[in-house]
Protein backbone atom coordinates (compact mmCIF):
# COMPACT_ATOMS: atom_id res chain seq x y z
CA MET A 1 -109.37 22.38 -57.71
CA ALA A 2 -106.56 20.70 -59.65
CA LYS A 3 -107.41 17.41 -61.27
CA LYS A 4 -105.47 14.51 -59.75
CA LYS A 5 -103.22 12.81 -62.27
CA PRO A 6 -103.59 9.07 -62.78
CA PRO A 7 -100.74 6.86 -61.57
CA PHE A 8 -97.98 5.84 -63.92
CA ALA A 9 -98.39 2.40 -65.49
CA LEU A 10 -95.59 0.03 -64.58
CA MET A 11 -94.06 -1.94 -67.45
CA TYR A 12 -91.30 -4.53 -67.10
CA SER A 13 -88.68 -5.57 -69.62
CA ASP A 14 -88.54 -9.28 -70.44
CA GLU A 15 -85.17 -9.58 -68.67
CA VAL A 16 -86.58 -8.58 -65.26
CA LYS A 17 -87.95 -12.10 -64.66
CA GLU A 18 -84.43 -13.47 -65.07
CA HIS A 19 -83.06 -10.82 -62.72
CA LEU A 20 -85.60 -11.79 -60.04
CA ARG A 21 -84.69 -15.48 -60.29
CA ALA A 22 -81.22 -14.59 -58.98
CA ILE A 23 -82.71 -12.90 -55.87
CA GLU A 24 -83.98 -14.86 -52.87
CA THR A 25 -87.76 -15.28 -53.15
CA LYS A 26 -88.27 -13.95 -49.61
CA TYR A 27 -87.46 -10.49 -51.01
CA HIS A 28 -89.79 -10.58 -54.03
CA SER A 29 -92.81 -9.06 -52.23
CA LEU A 30 -90.62 -6.26 -50.82
CA ILE A 31 -89.28 -5.53 -54.30
CA GLN A 32 -92.77 -5.52 -55.82
CA SER A 33 -94.22 -3.22 -53.15
CA GLU A 34 -91.29 -0.78 -53.32
CA ILE A 35 -91.51 -0.53 -57.11
CA GLY A 36 -95.25 0.17 -56.92
CA GLY A 37 -94.96 2.58 -54.01
CA GLN A 38 -92.05 4.59 -55.32
CA LEU A 39 -92.67 4.65 -59.06
CA GLN A 40 -96.42 4.96 -59.67
CA PHE A 41 -96.83 8.58 -58.66
CA GLN A 42 -93.61 10.63 -58.83
CA PRO A 43 -90.97 8.55 -60.60
CA GLU A 44 -89.01 11.62 -61.74
CA VAL A 45 -88.77 13.33 -58.35
CA GLU A 46 -85.31 12.93 -56.86
CA THR A 47 -85.18 11.71 -53.25
CA ARG A 48 -82.47 10.32 -51.00
CA ASN A 49 -82.93 6.85 -52.51
CA ARG A 50 -84.23 7.77 -55.98
CA LYS A 51 -81.77 9.44 -58.30
CA PRO A 52 -81.21 10.14 -61.97
CA LEU A 53 -78.19 8.29 -63.33
CA GLU A 54 -75.22 10.41 -64.34
CA ARG A 55 -75.18 8.57 -67.64
CA PRO A 56 -77.88 6.28 -69.05
CA MET A 57 -77.17 2.58 -68.76
CA LEU A 58 -78.84 -0.81 -68.99
CA SER A 59 -80.86 -0.47 -72.16
CA GLY A 60 -81.53 3.22 -71.62
CA ALA A 61 -82.23 3.30 -67.87
CA GLU A 62 -82.12 6.90 -66.70
CA TRP A 63 -83.14 6.48 -63.05
CA GLU A 64 -82.31 4.26 -60.08
CA ILE A 65 -84.02 3.52 -56.78
CA ARG A 66 -82.32 1.92 -53.79
CA PHE A 67 -84.10 0.08 -50.99
CA GLY A 68 -84.15 -2.95 -48.75
CA PRO A 69 -81.79 -4.10 -46.03
CA ASP A 70 -78.68 -1.87 -46.22
CA ASN A 71 -80.13 -0.40 -49.45
CA ARG A 72 -78.94 -3.55 -51.18
CA PHE A 73 -81.55 -3.62 -53.97
CA ARG A 74 -81.33 -1.48 -57.10
CA VAL A 75 -84.06 -0.94 -59.67
CA PHE A 76 -83.13 0.78 -62.93
CA TYR A 77 -85.87 2.36 -65.01
CA GLU A 78 -86.90 4.92 -67.60
CA VAL A 79 -89.93 7.20 -67.62
CA ASP A 80 -92.24 8.23 -70.46
CA ALA A 81 -93.99 11.18 -68.79
CA GLU A 82 -96.27 11.86 -71.76
CA ALA A 83 -97.59 8.28 -71.85
CA ARG A 84 -97.43 8.10 -68.01
CA GLU A 85 -95.41 4.89 -68.11
CA VAL A 86 -92.45 3.66 -66.10
CA ARG A 87 -90.45 0.86 -67.69
CA VAL A 88 -88.41 -1.20 -65.25
CA LEU A 89 -85.33 -2.37 -67.13
CA ALA A 90 -83.24 -4.14 -64.49
CA ILE A 91 -83.29 -5.25 -60.86
CA GLY A 92 -80.03 -5.94 -59.09
CA VAL A 93 -78.34 -6.52 -55.76
CA LYS A 94 -75.46 -4.42 -54.50
CA GLU A 95 -72.86 -6.42 -52.55
CA GLY A 96 -70.07 -4.15 -51.39
CA ASN A 97 -68.73 -2.47 -54.51
CA ARG A 98 -70.26 -5.05 -56.84
CA LEU A 99 -73.62 -4.78 -58.60
CA LEU A 100 -75.11 -8.16 -59.48
CA ILE A 101 -77.87 -8.29 -62.09
CA GLY A 102 -79.29 -11.70 -62.87
CA GLY A 103 -76.56 -13.21 -60.71
CA GLU A 104 -73.78 -11.73 -62.86
CA GLU A 105 -71.57 -8.79 -62.01
CA PHE A 106 -72.48 -5.70 -63.98
CA GLN A 107 -69.60 -3.66 -65.30
CA GLY A 108 -70.89 -0.12 -65.88
């Protein structure tokens, strides 16, 4: 029987607190539960709402997940598979064609 791998540890960059301040607090528990649910076990498995970025961005983020009402929330992260760590680098809100991170429009 194959040994079950431990979950990935979730790490957050210092900037994430600032990013969350720009998002309505009623969404904070949704964001927290989605990050834990989607990133602790298979953070490098592509799904409909979890994709590798075409080019790294935001301090080295290589992956993105989308969730929430109208898939409005974006979480950008990198994975250290050997250390079994996921580092969340940014959390943003997509409004139309604009991505807002920390309340400011991100130009990628």
